[in-house]
């Protein structure tokens, strides 16, 4: 149901390590997108910003509510996906590929390794009684 090559957080972000690098790509899960409904606004950090694991790196706003986006790892933002800030629909149609949000040069690969895999994330949603 959720892509196996990704790692997940309890706040519904996903993370993917770029092959042979210390760069992690971050986005939100399709579960989060469905919970939000129509997305009206997205705020992402600038390249060069330092962010910490479990701290907000941006915000996403829907007609229902505003939510902080929480970083799965500590590091420096090296790229922001400008394509999705101009076309929020990409979050609905392709949250795992074109809908990525930021790329982070991570400080500690163990932070990435400690994130949930797809089956654990699915179990977490089931435990909370959330549809996915």
Protein backbone atom coordinates (compact mmCIF):
# COMPACT_ATOMS: atom_id res chain seq x y z
CA UNK A 1 0.00 0.00 0.00
CA UNK A 2 2.83 2.46 0.88
CA UNK A 3 6.05 2.39 -1.19
CA UNK A 4 8.50 -0.06 0.43
CA UNK A 5 11.62 1.91 -0.50
CA UNK A 6 10.53 4.85 1.68
CA UNK A 7 10.71 5.45 5.44
CA UNK A 8 7.86 7.09 7.38
CA UNK A 9 7.18 9.27 10.44
CA UNK A 10 4.29 9.35 12.91
CA UNK A 11 3.45 12.82 11.55
CA UNK A 12 2.91 11.34 8.04
CA UNK A 13 6.05 12.52 6.27
CA UNK A 14 8.02 10.12 4.08
CA UNK A 15 11.78 10.09 3.52
CA UNK A 16 13.93 8.51 0.82
CA UNK A 17 17.72 8.29 0.82
CA UNK A 18 19.23 9.12 -2.57
CA UNK A 19 21.49 6.28 -3.66
CA UNK A 20 25.15 6.58 -2.62
CA UNK A 21 24.65 10.02 -1.02
CA UNK A 22 23.82 11.61 2.31
CA UNK A 23 20.78 13.34 0.79
CA UNK A 24 17.25 12.55 1.97
CA UNK A 25 14.17 13.53 -0.06
CA UNK A 26 11.11 14.39 2.07
CA UNK A 27 7.41 14.64 1.30
CA UNK A 28 4.04 13.81 2.86
CA UNK A 29 2.19 10.54 2.48
CA UNK A 30 -0.93 10.11 0.38
CA UNK A 31 -2.66 9.32 3.71
CA UNK A 32 -1.83 12.85 4.90
CA UNK A 33 -2.96 14.36 1.60
CA UNK A 34 -6.33 12.59 1.89
CA UNK A 35 -6.74 13.75 5.50
CA UNK A 36 -6.03 17.36 4.53
CA UNK A 37 -8.52 17.56 1.68
CA UNK A 38 -8.12 20.49 -0.70
CA UNK A 39 -4.67 22.00 -0.12
CA UNK A 40 -4.72 25.78 -0.32
CA UNK A 41 -1.18 26.81 0.66
CA UNK A 42 2.26 25.30 1.20
CA UNK A 43 5.19 26.96 2.95
CA UNK A 44 8.62 25.39 2.48
CA UNK A 45 12.06 26.46 3.74
CA UNK A 46 14.75 28.05 1.59
CA UNK A 47 17.85 26.15 0.55
CA UNK A 48 20.57 26.68 3.17
CA UNK A 49 18.19 26.49 6.15
CA UNK A 50 19.27 24.14 8.94
CA UNK A 51 16.52 21.90 10.29
CA UNK A 52 16.33 19.45 13.17
CA UNK A 53 14.70 16.04 13.40
CA UNK A 54 11.14 16.25 14.81
CA UNK A 55 11.04 20.06 14.35
CA UNK A 56 8.81 21.96 11.91
CA UNK A 57 10.33 22.83 8.53
CA UNK A 58 7.25 24.33 6.91
CA UNK A 59 3.47 24.40 6.92
CA UNK A 60 0.64 23.08 4.81
CA UNK A 61 -2.82 24.61 4.82
CA UNK A 62 -6.07 23.12 3.63
CA UNK A 63 -9.63 24.38 3.85
CA UNK A 64 -9.86 22.27 7.04
CA UNK A 65 -6.75 23.30 9.00
CA UNK A 66 -3.08 24.33 9.05
CA UNK A 67 -0.45 21.72 9.91
CA UNK A 68 3.28 21.92 10.57
CA UNK A 69 5.49 19.79 8.36
CA UNK A 70 7.94 17.93 10.61
CA UNK A 71 11.45 16.98 9.56
CA UNK A 72 12.32 13.28 9.77
CA UNK A 73 16.07 14.06 10.00
CA UNK A 74 18.55 16.75 11.01
CA UNK A 75 20.54 18.56 8.33
CA UNK A 76 20.64 21.36 5.80
CA UNK A 77 17.99 21.98 3.16
CA UNK A 78 19.78 21.82 -0.17
CA UNK A 79 16.77 22.04 -2.48
CA UNK A 80 13.07 22.93 -2.35
CA UNK A 81 10.60 21.63 -4.93
CA UNK A 82 9.41 24.87 -6.53
CA UNK A 83 7.19 22.89 -8.90
CA UNK A 84 4.75 21.96 -6.11
CA UNK A 85 4.52 25.46 -4.65
CA UNK A 86 3.27 26.56 -8.08
CA UNK A 87 1.10 23.45 -8.58
CA UNK A 88 -0.30 22.12 -5.28
CA UNK A 89 -2.32 19.53 -7.21
CA UNK A 90 0.89 17.47 -7.55
CA UNK A 91 0.56 16.61 -3.85
CA UNK A 92 -2.80 14.97 -4.60
CA UNK A 93 -1.82 13.26 -7.84
CA UNK A 94 1.77 12.15 -7.15
CA UNK A 95 2.85 12.66 -3.50
CA UNK A 96 5.75 10.17 -3.74
CA UNK A 97 7.46 11.30 -6.93
CA UNK A 98 6.70 14.77 -8.32
CA UNK A 99 5.16 15.84 -4.98
CA UNK A 100 8.41 15.70 -2.98
CA UNK A 101 8.98 18.82 -0.86
CA UNK A 102 12.61 19.23 0.18
CA UNK A 103 16.01 17.58 -0.07
CA UNK A 104 18.14 17.52 3.08
CA UNK A 105 21.86 16.85 3.40
CA UNK A 106 21.68 14.83 6.60
CA UNK A 107 24.10 14.92 9.51
CA UNK A 108 23.38 11.45 10.90
CA UNK A 109 22.28 8.49 8.76
CA UNK A 110 21.12 6.67 11.90
CA UNK A 111 18.21 9.14 12.11
CA UNK A 112 17.06 7.95 8.69
CA UNK A 113 17.51 4.29 9.61
CA UNK A 114 15.39 4.73 12.76
CA UNK A 115 12.30 5.81 10.79
CA UNK A 116 9.38 3.39 10.24
CA UNK A 117 9.30 1.12 7.21
CA UNK A 118 6.10 0.76 5.16
CA UNK A 119 4.64 -2.17 7.12
CA UNK A 120 5.33 -0.54 10.51
CA UNK A 121 3.76 2.72 9.28
CA UNK A 122 0.70 0.84 8.06
CA UNK A 123 0.47 -0.87 11.48
CA UNK A 124 0.76 2.54 13.16
CA UNK A 125 -2.22 3.83 11.13
CA UNK A 126 -4.25 0.70 11.93
CA UNK A 127 -3.48 1.13 15.65
CA UNK A 128 -4.78 4.70 15.52
CA UNK A 129 -7.86 3.47 13.65
CA UNK A 130 -7.07 5.70 10.67
CA UNK A 131 -8.20 4.69 7.21
CA UNK A 132 -5.52 4.43 4.58
